[in-house]
Amino acid sequence: MRELQLRLQALWIYDGRINGKYTREVEEAVATYQRWLYPQTDPEGVYGAFTRSHLEAATPEI
């Protein structure tokens, strides 16, 4: 989860603590990122395979 938080932070979507926990704030940041993607196959706020692959492609290696 730390990697997810860092990737969301790199895109200026998440500014919370980097603690490796999937908090409500992280879930909301994932949902915000998902709104940028179309079409979307993961449920809103769920860090699934589709969201992960697009987020990894959009951010530097962590």
Protein backbone atom coordinates (compact mmCIF):
# COMPACT_ATOMS: atom_id res chain seq x y z
CA MET A 1 0.00 0.00 0.00
CA ARG A 2 2.91 2.37 0.49
CA GLU A 3 3.64 2.13 -3.24
CA LEU A 4 0.02 2.98 -4.03
CA GLN A 5 0.14 5.98 -1.71
CA LEU A 6 3.39 7.17 -3.28
CA ARG A 7 2.03 6.81 -6.82
CA LEU A 8 -1.13 8.73 -5.94
CA GLN A 9 1.02 11.36 -4.27
CA ALA A 10 3.15 11.66 -7.42
CA LEU A 11 -0.02 12.58 -9.33
CA TRP A 12 -1.05 15.14 -6.65
CA ILE A 13 -4.18 13.14 -5.80
CA TYR A 14 -3.19 12.00 -2.30
CA ASP A 15 -1.55 14.14 0.36
CA GLY A 16 -2.08 11.96 3.40
CA ARG A 17 0.39 9.93 5.44
CA ILE A 18 2.50 7.29 3.72
CA ASN A 19 1.76 4.51 6.17
CA GLY A 20 0.85 1.50 4.01
CA LYS A 21 -2.80 1.47 5.12
CA TYR A 22 -5.78 1.52 2.76
CA THR A 23 -7.67 4.26 4.54
CA ARG A 24 -10.81 6.06 3.44
CA GLU A 25 -8.57 8.88 2.20
CA VAL A 26 -6.63 6.45 -0.03
CA GLU A 27 -9.88 4.93 -1.28
CA GLU A 28 -11.15 8.40 -2.21
CA ALA A 29 -7.87 9.18 -4.01
CA VAL A 30 -8.18 5.91 -5.98
CA ALA A 31 -11.76 6.85 -6.89
CA THR A 32 -10.58 10.27 -8.07
CA TYR A 33 -7.93 8.68 -10.26
CA GLN A 34 -10.48 6.23 -11.63
CA ARG A 35 -12.71 9.11 -12.74
CA TRP A 36 -9.87 10.12 -15.08
CA LEU A 37 -9.96 6.70 -16.75
CA TYR A 38 -12.52 5.66 -19.33
CA PRO A 39 -13.64 2.97 -19.63
CA GLN A 40 -13.27 1.80 -16.08
CA THR A 41 -13.54 -1.87 -15.11
CA ASP A 42 -12.71 -1.80 -11.37
CA PRO A 43 -15.44 -0.73 -8.93
CA GLU A 44 -15.02 2.86 -7.71
CA GLY A 45 -12.39 3.09 -4.99
CA VAL A 46 -11.14 -0.48 -5.52
CA TYR A 47 -7.47 -0.80 -6.44
CA GLY A 48 -7.90 -3.63 -8.93
CA ALA A 49 -5.82 -4.83 -11.86
CA PHE A 50 -7.14 -2.25 -14.35
CA THR A 51 -6.51 0.70 -12.03
CA ARG A 52 -3.11 -0.67 -10.98
CA SER A 53 -1.86 -1.10 -14.55
CA HIS A 54 -2.90 2.42 -15.55
CA LEU A 55 -1.50 3.99 -12.38
CA GLU A 56 1.82 2.19 -12.81
CA ALA A 57 2.01 3.38 -16.44
CA ALA A 58 1.25 6.97 -15.41
CA THR A 59 3.85 7.25 -12.63
CA PRO A 60 7.59 6.68 -12.28
CA GLU A 61 8.82 3.39 -10.88
CA ILE A 62 8.71 3.40 -7.10
